[in-house]
């Protein structure tokens, strides 16, 4: 059973801006701050205890400790000193990844949660995936919500709303350029990318882990759709499939809405015969254009798969759909009129 990961923020703003900053952190999804409880405005806190400088108090998490790590001897001392603690905060200086890997290996099977201190959002994102399981939490000093959102994008797991949609039309759409996305991750059965011609209506396009007598499994690949289609980035923005390239990060999801970020290793754009697929869900209508091939599959509500070449009117598939909103260079703009056809 996996343990829930969290980002703990140490506010670095003037006292007069603190209340507003805490409100923004809460809206961004942060639940715990490293701050004196009297200043935290009701948020969960982790803070220095008066009993000893390295002892940390935390609402609902018992006592913890903060340890500076620069060698394996320091890790031994931390393991001995953390017995009975609910969590440890690790400050690793020059070497960061290897000490954290060693600490996770020593502590992760127990009940002590491993929290790493990070200097930047990029560093925080890396720590969430150390030794595959990652740390349980990251402590990040931050002076802006932008920094916090960048760090939150590195949390391996998240969620997005998914709903059932009824197919309303399937027809040939001539030739076009489609984007085949090869990721640097192995995608599991049921996972795929969110793809659509509209940013508020995206189909769950399954990965190519399903082989056939004519094709070998490619569990790292998603034959996503036409170049104009949108897909979701970990920061909540949308990107055109034509913009995806090596080093890009995209969201993969499953039918229940569980998501994770993956890195793109290669993107291939090639001219192919295409299909137009349209569907409706909850009063919203959307579509996508995909390659006309048996290996492109959508996900059914029960987890089954259906090839776009076998889709018919009335079939039910899983989509991410919500009321429309304008977007400017991928960023949602509230209250802007938009009509997409």
C-alpha atoms as a PDB file:
ATOM      1  CA  UNK A   1       0.000   0.000   0.000  1.00  0.00           C
ATOM      2  CA  UNK A   2       1.532   3.307  -1.088  1.00  0.00           C
ATOM      3  CA  UNK A   3       1.848   6.190   1.332  1.00  0.00           C
ATOM      4  CA  UNK A   4       0.394   9.552   0.474  1.00  0.00           C
ATOM      5  CA  UNK A   5       2.977  12.105  -0.575  1.00  0.00           C
ATOM      6  CA  UNK A   6       2.850  15.752   0.421  1.00  0.00           C
ATOM      7  CA  UNK A   7       4.535  19.076  -0.202  1.00  0.00           C
ATOM      8  CA  UNK A   8       5.245  21.050   2.961  1.00  0.00           C
ATOM      9  CA  UNK A   9       5.903  24.739   2.368  1.00  0.00           C
ATOM     10  CA  UNK A  10       8.057  27.001   4.510  1.00  0.00           C
ATOM     11  CA  UNK A  11       6.680  30.490   3.753  1.00  0.00           C
ATOM     12  CA  UNK A  12       9.325  33.073   2.919  1.00  0.00           C
ATOM     13  CA  UNK A  13       7.196  36.213   2.734  1.00  0.00           C
ATOM     14  CA  UNK A  14       6.904  39.326   4.928  1.00  0.00           C
ATOM     15  CA  UNK A  15       4.503  39.050   7.872  1.00  0.00           C
ATOM     16  CA  UNK A  16       2.034  41.469   6.262  1.00  0.00           C
ATOM     17  CA  UNK A  17       1.703  39.172   3.211  1.00  0.00           C
ATOM     18  CA  UNK A  18       1.547  35.917   5.169  1.00  0.00           C
ATOM     19  CA  UNK A  19      -2.232  35.557   5.546  1.00  0.00           C
ATOM     20  CA  UNK A  20      -2.838  36.090   1.832  1.00  0.00           C
ATOM     21  CA  UNK A  21       0.011  33.740   0.940  1.00  0.00           C
ATOM     22  CA  UNK A  22      -1.374  30.984   3.183  1.00  0.00           C
ATOM     23  CA  UNK A  23      -4.768  31.377   1.532  1.00  0.00           C
ATOM     24  CA  UNK A  24      -3.165  30.972  -1.904  1.00  0.00           C
ATOM     25  CA  UNK A  25      -1.253  27.906  -0.722  1.00  0.00           C
ATOM     26  CA  UNK A  26      -4.473  26.305   0.465  1.00  0.00           C
ATOM     27  CA  UNK A  27      -6.128  26.989  -2.897  1.00  0.00           C
ATOM     28  CA  UNK A  28      -3.136  25.366  -4.632  1.00  0.00           C
ATOM     29  CA  UNK A  29      -3.606  22.178  -2.591  1.00  0.00           C
ATOM     30  CA  UNK A  30      -0.988  22.639   0.134  1.00  0.00           C
ATOM     31  CA  UNK A  31      -2.193  21.337   3.496  1.00  0.00           C
ATOM     32  CA  UNK A  32       0.873  21.687   5.735  1.00  0.00           C
ATOM     33  CA  UNK A  33       3.246  24.590   6.370  1.00  0.00           C
ATOM     34  CA  UNK A  34       6.520  24.753   8.290  1.00  0.00           C
ATOM     35  CA  UNK A  35       5.532  27.599  10.568  1.00  0.00           C
ATOM     36  CA  UNK A  36       4.693  28.568  14.129  1.00  0.00           C
ATOM     37  CA  UNK A  37       1.085  27.393  14.702  1.00  0.00           C
ATOM     38  CA  UNK A  38       0.071  30.838  15.986  1.00  0.00           C
ATOM     39  CA  UNK A  39       0.775  32.244  12.508  1.00  0.00           C
ATOM     40  CA  UNK A  40      -0.626  29.390  10.410  1.00  0.00           C
ATOM     41  CA  UNK A  41      -4.259  30.486  10.271  1.00  0.00           C
ATOM     42  CA  UNK A  42      -5.637  27.003  10.956  1.00  0.00           C
ATOM     43  CA  UNK A  43      -3.471  25.097   8.455  1.00  0.00           C
ATOM     44  CA  UNK A  44      -1.646  21.970   9.600  1.00  0.00           C
ATOM     45  CA  UNK A  45       1.843  22.809  10.777  1.00  0.00           C
ATOM     46  CA  UNK A  46       5.302  21.442  11.356  1.00  0.00           C
ATOM     47  CA  UNK A  47       7.433  23.597  13.619  1.00  0.00           C
ATOM     48  CA  UNK A  48      10.468  23.677  15.897  1.00  0.00           C
ATOM     49  CA  UNK A  49       9.782  22.343  19.373  1.00  0.00           C
ATOM     50  CA  UNK A  50      11.091  24.255  22.376  1.00  0.00           C
ATOM     51  CA  UNK A  51      12.548  21.091  23.891  1.00  0.00           C
ATOM     52  CA  UNK A  52      15.409  20.702  21.408  1.00  0.00           C
ATOM     53  CA  UNK A  53      16.337  22.417  18.170  1.00  0.00           C
ATOM     54  CA  UNK A  54      16.233  19.231  16.108  1.00  0.00           C
ATOM     55  CA  UNK A  55      12.914  18.032  17.509  1.00  0.00           C
ATOM     56  CA  UNK A  56       9.922  18.926  15.383  1.00  0.00           C
ATOM     57  CA  UNK A  57       6.290  19.008  16.395  1.00  0.00           C
ATOM     58  CA  UNK A  58       3.495  18.418  13.899  1.00  0.00           C
ATOM     59  CA  UNK A  59      -0.253  18.369  14.234  1.00  0.00           C
ATOM     60  CA  UNK A  60      -1.528  14.808  13.891  1.00  0.00           C
ATOM     61  CA  UNK A  61       1.926  13.366  13.192  1.00  0.00           C
ATOM     62  CA  UNK A  62       3.630  13.225  16.597  1.00  0.00           C
ATOM     63  CA  UNK A  63       7.277  14.061  17.108  1.00  0.00           C
ATOM     64  CA  UNK A  64       9.885  14.131  14.397  1.00  0.00           C
ATOM     65  CA  UNK A  65      13.463  15.152  13.916  1.00  0.00           C
ATOM     66  CA  UNK A  66      15.570  17.119  11.492  1.00  0.00           C
ATOM     67  CA  UNK A  67      18.921  15.642  10.513  1.00  0.00           C
ATOM     68  CA  UNK A  68      21.848  16.886   8.437  1.00  0.00           C
ATOM     69  CA  UNK A  69      23.266  14.099   6.253  1.00  0.00           C
ATOM     70  CA  UNK A  70      26.714  14.096   4.647  1.00  0.00           C
ATOM     71  CA  UNK A  71      27.815  10.474   5.088  1.00  0.00           C
ATOM     72  CA  UNK A  72      26.534   6.972   5.793  1.00  0.00           C
ATOM     73  CA  UNK A  73      27.541   7.465   9.449  1.00  0.00           C
ATOM     74  CA  UNK A  74      25.089  10.351   9.597  1.00  0.00           C
ATOM     75  CA  UNK A  75      22.409   8.031   8.185  1.00  0.00           C
ATOM     76  CA  UNK A  76      23.217   5.463  10.894  1.00  0.00           C
ATOM     77  CA  UNK A  77      22.865   8.160  13.562  1.00  0.00           C
ATOM     78  CA  UNK A  78      19.599   9.316  12.011  1.00  0.00           C
ATOM     79  CA  UNK A  79      18.152   5.787  11.984  1.00  0.00           C
ATOM     80  CA  UNK A  80      19.117   5.277  15.630  1.00  0.00           C
ATOM     81  CA  UNK A  81      17.894   8.717  16.667  1.00  0.00           C
ATOM     82  CA  UNK A  82      14.573   8.472  14.839  1.00  0.00           C
ATOM     83  CA  UNK A  83      13.286   5.338  16.553  1.00  0.00           C
ATOM     84  CA  UNK A  84       9.687   5.965  17.565  1.00  0.00           C
ATOM     85  CA  UNK A  85       9.461   9.174  15.544  1.00  0.00           C
ATOM     86  CA  UNK A  86       6.628   9.760  13.108  1.00  0.00           C
ATOM     87  CA  UNK A  87       8.860  11.462  10.555  1.00  0.00           C
ATOM     88  CA  UNK A  88      12.341  12.735   9.791  1.00  0.00           C
ATOM     89  CA  UNK A  89      13.363  15.799   7.791  1.00  0.00           C
ATOM     90  CA  UNK A  90      16.623  15.256   5.925  1.00  0.00           C
ATOM     91  CA  UNK A  91      18.983  18.065   4.957  1.00  0.00           C
ATOM     92  CA  UNK A  92      21.470  16.698   2.416  1.00  0.00           C
ATOM     93  CA  UNK A  93      24.089  19.151   1.243  1.00  0.00           C
ATOM     94  CA  UNK A  94      26.371  18.356  -1.733  1.00  0.00           C
ATOM     95  CA  UNK A  95      25.234  14.774  -2.402  1.00  0.00           C
ATOM     96  CA  UNK A  96      21.441  14.627  -2.378  1.00  0.00           C
ATOM     97  CA  UNK A  97      20.109  11.675  -4.378  1.00  0.00           C
ATOM     98  CA  UNK A  98      22.322   8.854  -3.056  1.00  0.00           C
ATOM     99  CA  UNK A  99      21.885   9.836   0.632  1.00  0.00           C
ATOM    100  CA  UNK A 100      18.122   9.970   0.132  1.00  0.00           C
ATOM    101  CA  UNK A 101      18.112   6.590  -1.605  1.00  0.00           C
ATOM    102  CA  UNK A 102      20.009   5.113   1.349  1.00  0.00           C
ATOM    103  CA  UNK A 103      17.685   6.773   3.873  1.00  0.00           C
ATOM    104  CA  UNK A 104      14.555   5.586   2.044  1.00  0.00           C
ATOM    105  CA  UNK A 105      15.901   2.043   1.869  1.00  0.00           C
ATOM    106  CA  UNK A 106      16.551   2.077   5.625  1.00  0.00           C
ATOM    107  CA  UNK A 107      13.306   3.723   6.769  1.00  0.00           C
ATOM    108  CA  UNK A 108      10.612   3.205   4.177  1.00  0.00           C
ATOM    109  CA  UNK A 109       9.458  -0.212   5.374  1.00  0.00           C
ATOM    110  CA  UNK A 110       8.743   1.209   8.812  1.00  0.00           C
ATOM    111  CA  UNK A 111       6.306   3.859   9.952  1.00  0.00           C
ATOM    112  CA  UNK A 112       8.773   6.746   9.906  1.00  0.00           C
ATOM    113  CA  UNK A 113       7.979   9.088   7.039  1.00  0.00           C
ATOM    114  CA  UNK A 114      10.948  10.469   5.078  1.00  0.00           C
ATOM    115  CA  UNK A 115      10.771  14.172   4.262  1.00  0.00           C
ATOM    116  CA  UNK A 116      13.524  15.788   2.202  1.00  0.00           C
ATOM    117  CA  UNK A 117      14.351  19.469   2.271  1.00  0.00           C
ATOM    118  CA  UNK A 118      14.690  21.074  -1.151  1.00  0.00           C
ATOM    119  CA  UNK A 119      16.066  24.418  -2.268  1.00  0.00           C
ATOM    120  CA  UNK A 120      14.149  24.754  -5.559  1.00  0.00           C
ATOM    121  CA  UNK A 121      10.964  23.424  -7.198  1.00  0.00           C
ATOM    122  CA  UNK A 122      13.073  21.425  -9.675  1.00  0.00           C
ATOM    123  CA  UNK A 123      14.924  19.784  -6.793  1.00  0.00           C
ATOM    124  CA  UNK A 124      11.612  19.007  -5.076  1.00  0.00           C
ATOM    125  CA  UNK A 125      10.268  17.315  -8.200  1.00  0.00           C
ATOM    126  CA  UNK A 126      13.340  15.098  -8.430  1.00  0.00           C
ATOM    127  CA  UNK A 127      13.054  14.038  -4.794  1.00  0.00           C
ATOM    128  CA  UNK A 128       9.483  12.843  -5.222  1.00  0.00           C
ATOM    129  CA  UNK A 129      10.757  10.077  -7.528  1.00  0.00           C
ATOM    130  CA  UNK A 130      14.006   9.050  -5.796  1.00  0.00           C
ATOM    131  CA  UNK A 131      14.425   5.245  -5.690  1.00  0.00           C
ATOM    132  CA  UNK A 132      11.124   4.855  -7.588  1.00  0.00           C
ATOM    133  CA  UNK A 133       9.005   5.061  -4.411  1.00  0.00           C
ATOM    134  CA  UNK A 134      10.202   8.603  -3.719  1.00  0.00           C
ATOM    135  CA  UNK A 135      10.215  10.421  -0.409  1.00  0.00           C
ATOM    136  CA  UNK A 136       7.015  10.765   1.588  1.00  0.00           C
ATOM    137  CA  UNK A 137       7.241  14.529   1.523  1.00  0.00           C
ATOM    138  CA  UNK A 138       9.339  17.504   0.519  1.00  0.00           C
ATOM    139  CA  UNK A 139       9.947  20.637   2.563  1.00  0.00           C
ATOM    140  CA  UNK A 140      10.275  23.637   0.251  1.00  0.00           C
ATOM    141  CA  UNK A 141      10.963  27.266   1.175  1.00  0.00           C
ATOM    142  CA  UNK A 142       8.817  29.390  -1.136  1.00  0.00           C
ATOM    143  CA  UNK A 143       7.953  33.041  -1.656  1.00  0.00           C
ATOM    144  CA  UNK A 144       5.449  32.580  -4.511  1.00  0.00           C
ATOM    145  CA  UNK A 145       2.608  30.252  -5.422  1.00  0.00           C
ATOM    146  CA  UNK A 146       4.256  29.759  -8.824  1.00  0.00           C
ATOM    147  CA  UNK A 147       7.179  27.999  -7.118  1.00  0.00           C
ATOM    148  CA  UNK A 148       4.746  25.794  -5.217  1.00  0.00           C
ATOM    149  CA  UNK A 149       2.799  24.807  -8.328  1.00  0.00           C
ATOM    150  CA  UNK A 150       6.033  23.893 -10.106  1.00  0.00           C
ATOM    151  CA  UNK A 151       6.960  21.610  -7.216  1.00  0.00           C
ATOM    152  CA  UNK A 152       3.492  20.070  -7.002  1.00  0.00           C
ATOM    153  CA  UNK A 153       3.791  19.090 -10.655  1.00  0.00           C
ATOM    154  CA  UNK A 154       6.509  16.664  -9.584  1.00  0.00           C
ATOM    155  CA  UNK A 155       4.310  14.673  -7.240  1.00  0.00           C
ATOM    156  CA  UNK A 156       4.090  11.328  -8.976  1.00  0.00           C
ATOM    157  CA  UNK A 157       0.398  10.761  -8.387  1.00  0.00           C
ATOM    158  CA  UNK A 158      -2.649  12.958  -8.730  1.00  0.00           C
ATOM    159  CA  UNK A 159      -6.169  12.801 -10.004  1.00  0.00           C
ATOM    160  CA  UNK A 160      -8.450  14.307 -12.593  1.00  0.00           C
ATOM    161  CA  UNK A 161     -12.181  13.994 -13.152  1.00  0.00           C
ATOM    162  CA  UNK A 162     -13.237  11.318 -15.643  1.00  0.00           C
ATOM    163  CA  UNK A 163     -16.721  10.646 -16.964  1.00  0.00           C
ATOM    164  CA  UNK A 164     -18.564   8.423 -19.409  1.00  0.00           C
ATOM    165  CA  UNK A 165     -19.165   9.757 -22.918  1.00  0.00           C
ATOM    166  CA  UNK A 166     -21.376   8.428 -25.680  1.00  0.00           C
ATOM    167  CA  UNK A 167     -19.928   8.235 -29.188  1.00  0.00           C
ATOM    168  CA  UNK A 168     -22.046  10.326 -31.570  1.00  0.00           C
ATOM    169  CA  UNK A 169     -20.064  10.081 -34.804  1.00  0.00           C
ATOM    170  CA  UNK A 170     -17.165   8.174 -36.358  1.00  0.00           C
ATOM    171  CA  UNK A 171     -16.076   8.852 -39.932  1.00  0.00           C
ATOM    172  CA  UNK A 172     -13.041   9.000 -42.170  1.00  0.00           C
ATOM    173  CA  UNK A 173     -11.259  12.358 -42.113  1.00  0.00           C
ATOM    174  CA  UNK A 174      -8.809  12.061 -45.000  1.00  0.00           C
ATOM    175  CA  UNK A 175      -5.057  12.227 -44.552  1.00  0.00           C
ATOM    176  CA  UNK A 176      -3.256  14.218 -41.877  1.00  0.00           C
ATOM    177  CA  UNK A 177      -0.256  14.280 -39.588  1.00  0.00           C
ATOM    178  CA  UNK A 178      -0.534  12.276 -36.404  1.00  0.00           C
ATOM    179  CA  UNK A 179       1.749  12.359 -33.375  1.00  0.00           C
ATOM    180  CA  UNK A 180       3.091   9.127 -31.899  1.00  0.00           C
ATOM    181  CA  UNK A 181       4.481   9.767 -28.404  1.00  0.00           C
ATOM    182  CA  UNK A 182       7.156   7.433 -27.013  1.00  0.00           C
ATOM    183  CA  UNK A 183       7.608   7.996 -23.289  1.00  0.00           C
ATOM    184  CA  UNK A 184      10.536   7.184 -21.012  1.00  0.00           C
ATOM    185  CA  UNK A 185       8.186   5.118 -18.820  1.00  0.00           C
ATOM    186  CA  UNK A 186       6.483   1.745 -19.022  1.00  0.00           C
ATOM    187  CA  UNK A 187       2.746   2.395 -19.112  1.00  0.00           C
ATOM    188  CA  UNK A 188       0.389  -0.092 -17.529  1.00  0.00           C
ATOM    189  CA  UNK A 189      -2.827  -1.657 -18.769  1.00  0.00           C
ATOM    190  CA  UNK A 190      -5.549   0.990 -18.572  1.00  0.00           C
ATOM    191  CA  UNK A 191      -3.221   3.996 -18.788  1.00  0.00           C
ATOM    192  CA  UNK A 192      -3.130   6.473 -21.618  1.00  0.00           C
ATOM    193  CA  UNK A 193      -2.893  10.122 -22.612  1.00  0.00           C
ATOM    194  CA  UNK A 194      -5.737  12.630 -22.555  1.00  0.00           C
ATOM    195  CA  UNK A 195      -6.274  13.874 -26.117  1.00  0.00           C
ATOM    196  CA  UNK A 196      -8.917  16.079 -27.698  1.00  0.00           C
ATOM    197  CA  UNK A 197      -9.668  18.788 -30.222  1.00  0.00           C
ATOM    198  CA  UNK A 198     -11.001  20.898 -27.349  1.00  0.00           C
ATOM    199  CA  UNK A 199      -9.142  21.648 -24.134  1.00  0.00           C
ATOM    200  CA  UNK A 200     -12.199  20.853 -21.991  1.00  0.00           C
ATOM    201  CA  UNK A 201     -13.049  17.510 -23.643  1.00  0.00           C
ATOM    202  CA  UNK A 202     -10.300  14.920 -23.906  1.00  0.00           C
ATOM    203  CA  UNK A 203     -10.495  11.219 -24.730  1.00  0.00           C
ATOM    204  CA  UNK A 204      -8.421   8.642 -22.862  1.00  0.00           C
ATOM    205  CA  UNK A 205      -6.225   7.172 -25.610  1.00  0.00           C
ATOM    206  CA  UNK A 206      -4.676   3.908 -24.439  1.00  0.00           C
ATOM    207  CA  UNK A 207      -1.006   3.000 -24.729  1.00  0.00           C
ATOM    208  CA  UNK A 208       0.217   0.254 -27.066  1.00  0.00           C
ATOM    209  CA  UNK A 209       0.882  -2.409 -24.429  1.00  0.00           C
ATOM    210  CA  UNK A 210      -1.626  -4.643 -26.196  1.00  0.00           C
ATOM    211  CA  UNK A 211       0.040  -6.599 -28.979  1.00  0.00           C
ATOM    212  CA  UNK A 212      -1.450  -8.613 -31.812  1.00  0.00           C
ATOM    213  CA  UNK A 213      -0.399 -11.161 -34.404  1.00  0.00           C
ATOM    214  CA  UNK A 214       0.754  -8.223 -36.541  1.00  0.00           C
ATOM    215  CA  UNK A 215       2.289  -5.894 -33.929  1.00  0.00           C
ATOM    216  CA  UNK A 216       4.543  -6.273 -30.900  1.00  0.00           C
ATOM    217  CA  UNK A 217       3.607  -4.564 -27.610  1.00  0.00           C
ATOM    218  CA  UNK A 218       5.025  -1.083 -27.139  1.00  0.00           C
ATOM    219  CA  UNK A 219       4.017  -0.269 -23.540  1.00  0.00           C
ATOM    220  CA  UNK A 220       5.897   3.034 -23.604  1.00  0.00           C
ATOM    221  CA  UNK A 221       4.005   4.364 -26.642  1.00  0.00           C
ATOM    222  CA  UNK A 222       0.779   6.295 -27.177  1.00  0.00           C
ATOM    223  CA  UNK A 223      -0.321   6.915 -30.756  1.00  0.00           C
ATOM    224  CA  UNK A 224      -2.041  10.037 -29.540  1.00  0.00           C
ATOM    225  CA  UNK A 225      -3.759  11.883 -32.364  1.00  0.00           C
ATOM    226  CA  UNK A 226      -3.556  14.654 -34.925  1.00  0.00           C
ATOM    227  CA  UNK A 227      -1.073  17.509 -34.577  1.00  0.00           C
ATOM    228  CA  UNK A 228      -3.771  20.050 -33.644  1.00  0.00           C
ATOM    229  CA  UNK A 229      -5.105  18.035 -30.681  1.00  0.00           C
ATOM    230  CA  UNK A 230      -4.535  19.097 -27.093  1.00  0.00           C
ATOM    231  CA  UNK A 231      -3.021  17.008 -24.331  1.00  0.00           C
ATOM    232  CA  UNK A 232      -2.493  17.727 -20.640  1.00  0.00           C
ATOM    233  CA  UNK A 233       0.766  18.795 -18.986  1.00  0.00           C
ATOM    234  CA  UNK A 234       1.577  18.161 -15.307  1.00  0.00           C
ATOM    235  CA  UNK A 235       1.335  21.896 -14.546  1.00  0.00           C
ATOM    236  CA  UNK A 236      -2.331  21.906 -15.575  1.00  0.00           C
ATOM    237  CA  UNK A 237      -1.707  23.611 -18.897  1.00  0.00           C
ATOM    238  CA  UNK A 238      -2.628  22.144 -22.257  1.00  0.00           C
ATOM    239  CA  UNK A 239      -0.194  21.656 -25.122  1.00  0.00           C
ATOM    240  CA  UNK A 240      -0.698  20.900 -28.785  1.00  0.00           C
ATOM    241  CA  UNK A 241       0.549  17.453 -29.710  1.00  0.00           C
ATOM    242  CA  UNK A 242       2.699  19.133 -32.346  1.00  0.00           C
ATOM    243  CA  UNK A 243       4.651  20.828 -29.514  1.00  0.00           C
ATOM    244  CA  UNK A 244       5.540  17.594 -27.725  1.00  0.00           C
ATOM    245  CA  UNK A 245       9.231  16.667 -28.039  1.00  0.00           C
ATOM    246  CA  UNK A 246      11.995  14.780 -26.232  1.00  0.00           C
ATOM    247  CA  UNK A 247      12.162  16.046 -22.649  1.00  0.00           C
ATOM    248  CA  UNK A 248       8.547  17.243 -22.552  1.00  0.00           C
ATOM    249  CA  UNK A 249       6.377  16.024 -19.693  1.00  0.00           C
ATOM    250  CA  UNK A 250       2.805  14.842 -20.205  1.00  0.00           C
ATOM    251  CA  UNK A 251       0.064  13.457 -17.989  1.00  0.00           C
ATOM    252  CA  UNK A 252      -1.015   9.842 -18.268  1.00  0.00           C
ATOM    253  CA  UNK A 253      -4.290   8.793 -16.658  1.00  0.00           C
ATOM    254  CA  UNK A 254      -6.535   5.784 -16.178  1.00  0.00           C
ATOM    255  CA  UNK A 255     -10.319   5.368 -16.287  1.00  0.00           C
ATOM    256  CA  UNK A 256     -10.737   6.292 -12.603  1.00  0.00           C
ATOM    257  CA  UNK A 257      -8.804   9.542 -13.027  1.00  0.00           C
ATOM    258  CA  UNK A 258      -5.567   8.563 -11.287  1.00  0.00           C
ATOM    259  CA  UNK A 259      -2.744  10.433 -13.011  1.00  0.00           C
ATOM    260  CA  UNK A 260       1.022  10.572 -13.099  1.00  0.00           C
ATOM    261  CA  UNK A 261       3.573  12.524 -15.066  1.00  0.00           C
ATOM    262  CA  UNK A 262       5.892  10.903 -17.581  1.00  0.00           C
ATOM    263  CA  UNK A 263       8.787  12.226 -19.618  1.00  0.00           C
ATOM    264  CA  UNK A 264       8.720  12.029 -23.401  1.00  0.00           C
ATOM    265  CA  UNK A 265      11.672  10.298 -25.020  1.00  0.00           C
ATOM    266  CA  UNK A 266      10.652  10.818 -28.639  1.00  0.00           C
ATOM    267  CA  UNK A 267       7.799  12.235 -30.695  1.00  0.00           C
ATOM    268  CA  UNK A 268       7.117  11.038 -34.236  1.00  0.00           C
ATOM    269  CA  UNK A 269       4.942  13.012 -36.635  1.00  0.00           C
ATOM    270  CA  UNK A 270       3.942  11.095 -39.770  1.00  0.00           C
ATOM    271  CA  UNK A 271       1.260  11.447 -42.445  1.00  0.00           C
ATOM    272  CA  UNK A 272      -1.472   8.810 -42.129  1.00  0.00           C
ATOM    273  CA  UNK A 273      -5.172   8.196 -42.968  1.00  0.00           C
ATOM    274  CA  UNK A 274      -7.261   9.706 -40.162  1.00  0.00           C
ATOM    275  CA  UNK A 275     -10.589   9.204 -38.366  1.00  0.00           C
ATOM    276  CA  UNK A 276     -12.861  11.820 -36.800  1.00  0.00           C
ATOM    277  CA  UNK A 277     -14.396  10.709 -33.489  1.00  0.00           C
ATOM    278  CA  UNK A 278     -17.085  12.738 -31.723  1.00  0.00           C
ATOM    279  CA  UNK A 279     -18.780  12.141 -28.374  1.00  0.00           C
ATOM    280  CA  UNK A 280     -21.026  13.831 -25.788  1.00  0.00           C
ATOM    281  CA  UNK A 281     -20.955  13.811 -21.987  1.00  0.00           C
ATOM    282  CA  UNK A 282     -22.953  15.812 -19.460  1.00  0.00           C
ATOM    283  CA  UNK A 283     -24.129  18.347 -22.000  1.00  0.00           C
ATOM    284  CA  UNK A 284     -20.654  18.874 -23.418  1.00  0.00           C
ATOM    285  CA  UNK A 285     -19.602  17.722 -26.874  1.00  0.00           C
ATOM    286  CA  UNK A 286     -16.099  17.100 -28.108  1.00  0.00           C
ATOM    287  CA  UNK A 287     -14.048  15.272 -30.659  1.00  0.00           C
ATOM    288  CA  UNK A 288     -10.618  14.201 -31.735  1.00  0.00           C
ATOM    289  CA  UNK A 289      -8.888  13.098 -34.911  1.00  0.00           C
ATOM    290  CA  UNK A 290      -6.816   9.941 -34.624  1.00  0.00           C
ATOM    291  CA  UNK A 291      -4.961   7.690 -37.001  1.00  0.00           C
ATOM    292  CA  UNK A 292      -7.240   5.210 -38.764  1.00  0.00           C
ATOM    293  CA  UNK A 293      -5.565   2.058 -37.389  1.00  0.00           C
ATOM    294  CA  UNK A 294      -6.512  -0.887 -35.185  1.00  0.00           C
ATOM    295  CA  UNK A 295      -3.753  -0.161 -32.642  1.00  0.00           C
ATOM    296  CA  UNK A 296      -5.334   3.121 -31.493  1.00  0.00           C
ATOM    297  CA  UNK A 297      -7.691   2.243 -28.651  1.00  0.00           C
ATOM    298  CA  UNK A 298      -9.997   4.145 -26.314  1.00  0.00           C
ATOM    299  CA  UNK A 299     -10.878   2.999 -22.798  1.00  0.00           C
ATOM    300  CA  UNK A 300     -14.357   1.762 -21.810  1.00  0.00           C
ATOM    301  CA  UNK A 301     -15.856   2.429 -18.332  1.00  0.00           C
ATOM    302  CA  UNK A 302     -15.100  -1.097 -17.121  1.00  0.00           C
ATOM    303  CA  UNK A 303     -11.488  -0.882 -18.259  1.00  0.00           C
ATOM    304  CA  UNK A 304     -11.984  -2.697 -21.548  1.00  0.00           C
ATOM    305  CA  UNK A 305     -10.505  -1.312 -24.733  1.00  0.00           C
ATOM    306  CA  UNK A 306     -12.047  -0.525 -28.087  1.00  0.00           C
ATOM    307  CA  UNK A 307     -10.129   0.245 -31.282  1.00  0.00           C
ATOM    308  CA  UNK A 308     -11.124   3.443 -33.062  1.00  0.00           C
ATOM    309  CA  UNK A 309     -11.626   1.337 -36.186  1.00  0.00           C
ATOM    310  CA  UNK A 310     -14.357  -0.643 -34.366  1.00  0.00           C
ATOM    311  CA  UNK A 311     -16.065   2.319 -32.702  1.00  0.00           C
ATOM    312  CA  UNK A 312     -19.716   2.858 -33.522  1.00  0.00           C
ATOM    313  CA  UNK A 313     -22.375   5.373 -32.587  1.00  0.00           C
ATOM    314  CA  UNK A 314     -23.685   4.752 -29.072  1.00  0.00           C
ATOM    315  CA  UNK A 315     -20.492   3.190 -27.690  1.00  0.00           C
ATOM    316  CA  UNK A 316     -19.430   4.437 -24.245  1.00  0.00           C
ATOM    317  CA  UNK A 317     -15.831   5.544 -23.556  1.00  0.00           C
ATOM    318  CA  UNK A 318     -14.049   7.452 -20.813  1.00  0.00           C
ATOM    319  CA  UNK A 319     -13.241  11.150 -21.218  1.00  0.00           C
ATOM    320  CA  UNK A 320     -12.204  14.166 -19.188  1.00  0.00           C
ATOM    321  CA  UNK A 321     -14.965  16.735 -19.787  1.00  0.00           C
ATOM    322  CA  UNK A 322     -15.899  19.993 -18.064  1.00  0.00           C
ATOM    323  CA  UNK A 323     -17.430  23.384 -18.929  1.00  0.00           C
ATOM    324  CA  UNK A 324     -15.394  25.305 -21.526  1.00  0.00           C
ATOM    325  CA  UNK A 325     -12.936  28.050 -20.624  1.00  0.00           C
ATOM    326  CA  UNK A 326     -10.672  30.197 -22.739  1.00  0.00           C
ATOM    327  CA  UNK A 327      -6.971  29.446 -22.860  1.00  0.00           C
ATOM    328  CA  UNK A 328      -4.031  31.709 -23.681  1.00  0.00           C
ATOM    329  CA  UNK A 329      -0.903  29.776 -24.667  1.00  0.00           C
ATOM    330  CA  UNK A 330      -2.226  26.754 -22.776  1.00  0.00           C
ATOM    331  CA  UNK A 331      -3.171  28.600 -19.582  1.00  0.00           C
ATOM    332  CA  UNK A 332      -6.843  28.702 -18.629  1.00  0.00           C
ATOM    333  CA  UNK A 333      -8.449  32.166 -18.689  1.00  0.00           C
ATOM    334  CA  UNK A 334     -11.560  32.368 -16.526  1.00  0.00           C
ATOM    335  CA  UNK A 335     -14.733  34.100 -17.726  1.00  0.00           C
ATOM    336  CA  UNK A 336     -13.523  34.406 -21.311  1.00  0.00           C
ATOM    337  CA  UNK A 337     -16.066  33.612 -24.025  1.00  0.00           C
ATOM    338  CA  UNK A 338     -15.021  30.759 -26.263  1.00  0.00           C
ATOM    339  CA  UNK A 339     -16.781  28.657 -28.872  1.00  0.00           C
ATOM    340  CA  UNK A 340     -14.971  25.709 -30.411  1.00  0.00           C
ATOM    341  CA  UNK A 341     -16.465  23.552 -33.186  1.00  0.00           C
END
